[in-house]
Amino acid sequence: MLKDLADLKADVLFGHNSENFDWEFIITRCEVLGHPFNELSQKFFRFPIYKRKKPATLKLGGETETYYPTVVWGTPVLDSLHAARRAQAIDSNMKSANLKYVTQ
């Protein structure tokens, strides 16, 4: 996966719930299997991919949520769930922020 990601040379990495699920799953699974993710990612990227230790804040109307951003040097990592949740905080008619509902 990391080789394919590096070969793509993407301008932006975009996922839905990738910050709180996908990246955490991939990093943790590599660690469980005995392969430190930072070492694996450094084989294909100039700098290793990592989760920032300082939390970022997502503002959702009157409330806030924290998450730990994924850092891929030189490439923004975006999560469409964050945009959907912000839209949901503004529009009370939006029933869900899950991917199936948002794409419909």
C-alpha atoms as a PDB file:
ATOM      1  CA  MET A   1       0.000   0.000   0.000  1.00  0.00           C
ATOM      2  CA  LEU A   2       2.779   2.446   0.895  1.00  0.00           C
ATOM      3  CA  LYS A   3       4.621   1.768  -2.353  1.00  0.00           C
ATOM      4  CA  ASP A   4       1.433   2.412  -4.363  1.00  0.00           C
ATOM      5  CA  LEU A   5       0.761   5.566  -2.363  1.00  0.00           C
ATOM      6  CA  ALA A   6       4.290   6.821  -2.961  1.00  0.00           C
ATOM      7  CA  ASP A   7       4.122   5.966  -6.684  1.00  0.00           C
ATOM      8  CA  LEU A   8       0.905   8.001  -7.055  1.00  0.00           C
ATOM      9  CA  LYS A   9       2.680  11.179  -5.912  1.00  0.00           C
ATOM     10  CA  ALA A  10      -0.735  12.548  -4.948  1.00  0.00           C
ATOM     11  CA  ASP A  11      -1.213  16.279  -4.424  1.00  0.00           C
ATOM     12  CA  VAL A  12      -3.767  15.534  -1.675  1.00  0.00           C
ATOM     13  CA  LEU A  13      -4.709  12.401   0.281  1.00  0.00           C
ATOM     14  CA  PHE A  14      -8.437  12.286   0.910  1.00  0.00           C
ATOM     15  CA  GLY A  15     -10.544   9.804   2.851  1.00  0.00           C
ATOM     16  CA  HIS A  16     -13.787   9.538   4.787  1.00  0.00           C
ATOM     17  CA  ASN A  17     -13.170   8.901   8.497  1.00  0.00           C
ATOM     18  CA  SER A  18      -9.551   8.211   7.601  1.00  0.00           C
ATOM     19  CA  GLU A  19      -8.096  10.263  10.465  1.00  0.00           C
ATOM     20  CA  ASN A  20      -9.924   8.407  13.235  1.00  0.00           C
ATOM     21  CA  PHE A  21     -10.088   4.962  11.664  1.00  0.00           C
ATOM     22  CA  ASP A  22      -8.107   4.098   8.517  1.00  0.00           C
ATOM     23  CA  TRP A  23      -4.722   5.563   9.431  1.00  0.00           C
ATOM     24  CA  GLU A  24      -5.015   4.342  13.039  1.00  0.00           C
ATOM     25  CA  PHE A  25      -5.918   0.842  11.807  1.00  0.00           C
ATOM     26  CA  ILE A  26      -3.023   0.672   9.332  1.00  0.00           C
ATOM     27  CA  ILE A  27      -0.431   2.030  11.776  1.00  0.00           C
ATOM     28  CA  THR A  28      -1.601  -0.205  14.649  1.00  0.00           C
ATOM     29  CA  ARG A  29      -1.812  -3.302  12.436  1.00  0.00           C
ATOM     30  CA  CYS A  30       1.766  -2.785  11.242  1.00  0.00           C
ATOM     31  CA  GLU A  31       2.949  -2.419  14.837  1.00  0.00           C
ATOM     32  CA  VAL A  32       1.054  -5.580  15.920  1.00  0.00           C
ATOM     33  CA  LEU A  33       2.688  -7.512  13.078  1.00  0.00           C
ATOM     34  CA  GLY A  34       6.117  -6.335  14.249  1.00  0.00           C
ATOM     35  CA  HIS A  35       6.757  -3.781  11.512  1.00  0.00           C
ATOM     36  CA  PRO A  36       7.116  -0.225  12.866  1.00  0.00           C
ATOM     37  CA  PHE A  37       5.056   1.941  10.534  1.00  0.00           C
ATOM     38  CA  ASN A  38       7.520   4.833  10.550  1.00  0.00           C
ATOM     39  CA  GLU A  39      10.287   2.507   9.305  1.00  0.00           C
ATOM     40  CA  LEU A  40       8.039   1.047   6.604  1.00  0.00           C
ATOM     41  CA  SER A  41       6.856   4.423   5.380  1.00  0.00           C
ATOM     42  CA  GLN A  42      10.383   5.845   5.296  1.00  0.00           C
ATOM     43  CA  LYS A  43      11.321   3.208   2.704  1.00  0.00           C
ATOM     44  CA  PHE A  44       8.954   4.911   0.234  1.00  0.00           C
ATOM     45  CA  PHE A  45       8.724   8.523   1.413  1.00  0.00           C
ATOM     46  CA  ARG A  46      11.380  11.129   2.095  1.00  0.00           C
ATOM     47  CA  PHE A  47      10.125  11.416   5.677  1.00  0.00           C
ATOM     48  CA  PRO A  48       8.103   8.824   7.618  1.00  0.00           C
ATOM     49  CA  ILE A  49       4.315   9.102   7.828  1.00  0.00           C
ATOM     50  CA  TYR A  50       3.166   9.600  11.402  1.00  0.00           C
ATOM     51  CA  LYS A  51       0.274  10.719  13.595  1.00  0.00           C
ATOM     52  CA  ARG A  52       0.956  14.103  15.178  1.00  0.00           C
ATOM     53  CA  LYS A  53       1.208  13.905  18.976  1.00  0.00           C
ATOM     54  CA  LYS A  54      -0.469  17.281  19.490  1.00  0.00           C
ATOM     55  CA  PRO A  55      -4.239  17.082  18.881  1.00  0.00           C
ATOM     56  CA  ALA A  56      -5.992  19.289  16.349  1.00  0.00           C
ATOM     57  CA  THR A  57      -9.436  20.723  17.002  1.00  0.00           C
ATOM     58  CA  LEU A  58     -12.464  20.222  14.785  1.00  0.00           C
ATOM     59  CA  LYS A  59     -15.146  22.849  15.429  1.00  0.00           C
ATOM     60  CA  LEU A  60     -18.683  21.547  15.011  1.00  0.00           C
ATOM     61  CA  GLY A  61     -21.118  24.365  15.670  1.00  0.00           C
ATOM     62  CA  GLY A  62     -21.212  24.835  19.448  1.00  0.00           C
ATOM     63  CA  GLU A  63     -18.993  21.849  20.228  1.00  0.00           C
ATOM     64  CA  THR A  64     -15.438  20.796  19.437  1.00  0.00           C
ATOM     65  CA  GLU A  65     -13.763  17.463  18.850  1.00  0.00           C
ATOM     66  CA  THR A  66     -10.066  16.667  18.922  1.00  0.00           C
ATOM     67  CA  TYR A  67      -8.173  14.276  16.672  1.00  0.00           C
ATOM     68  CA  TYR A  68      -4.544  13.514  15.902  1.00  0.00           C
ATOM     69  CA  PRO A  69      -3.712  14.507  12.313  1.00  0.00           C
ATOM     70  CA  THR A  70      -1.781  12.225  10.007  1.00  0.00           C
ATOM     71  CA  VAL A  71       1.346  13.851   8.609  1.00  0.00           C
ATOM     72  CA  VAL A  72       2.615  12.965   5.142  1.00  0.00           C
ATOM     73  CA  TRP A  73       5.390  15.443   4.459  1.00  0.00           C
ATOM     74  CA  GLY A  74       4.486  17.724   1.547  1.00  0.00           C
ATOM     75  CA  THR A  75       0.976  16.282   1.088  1.00  0.00           C
ATOM     76  CA  PRO A  76      -2.190  17.506   2.817  1.00  0.00           C
ATOM     77  CA  VAL A  77      -4.248  14.713   4.385  1.00  0.00           C
ATOM     78  CA  LEU A  78      -7.962  15.549   4.398  1.00  0.00           C
ATOM     79  CA  ASP A  79     -10.932  13.761   5.929  1.00  0.00           C
ATOM     80  CA  SER A  80     -14.336  14.331   4.298  1.00  0.00           C
ATOM     81  CA  LEU A  81     -16.064  13.199   7.497  1.00  0.00           C
ATOM     82  CA  HIS A  82     -14.882  16.432   9.103  1.00  0.00           C
ATOM     83  CA  ALA A  83     -16.515  18.501   6.349  1.00  0.00           C
ATOM     84  CA  ALA A  84     -19.709  16.420   6.544  1.00  0.00           C
ATOM     85  CA  ARG A  85     -19.902  16.826  10.327  1.00  0.00           C
ATOM     86  CA  ARG A  86     -19.403  20.604  10.031  1.00  0.00           C
ATOM     87  CA  ALA A  87     -22.167  20.731   7.412  1.00  0.00           C
ATOM     88  CA  GLN A  88     -24.372  18.626   9.665  1.00  0.00           C
ATOM     89  CA  ALA A  89     -23.833  21.106  12.520  1.00  0.00           C
ATOM     90  CA  ILE A  90     -25.059  23.916  10.248  1.00  0.00           C
ATOM     91  CA  ASP A  91     -27.898  22.089   8.447  1.00  0.00           C
ATOM     92  CA  SER A  92     -30.349  20.350  10.783  1.00  0.00           C
ATOM     93  CA  ASN A  93     -31.905  18.518   7.790  1.00  0.00           C
ATOM     94  CA  MET A  94     -28.704  16.537   7.258  1.00  0.00           C
ATOM     95  CA  LYS A  95     -29.483  13.276   9.051  1.00  0.00           C
ATOM     96  CA  SER A  96     -26.085  11.588   8.905  1.00  0.00           C
ATOM     97  CA  ALA A  97     -22.444  12.193   8.079  1.00  0.00           C
ATOM     98  CA  ASN A  98     -21.710   8.646   6.919  1.00  0.00           C
ATOM     99  CA  LEU A  99     -20.299   8.228   3.423  1.00  0.00           C
ATOM    100  CA  LYS A 100     -23.345   6.557   1.864  1.00  0.00           C
ATOM    101  CA  TYR A 101     -25.714   9.304   3.068  1.00  0.00           C
ATOM    102  CA  VAL A 102     -23.352  12.146   2.123  1.00  0.00           C
ATOM    103  CA  THR A 103     -22.786  10.862  -1.411  1.00  0.00           C
ATOM    104  CA  GLN A 104     -26.511  10.485  -2.011  1.00  0.00           C
END
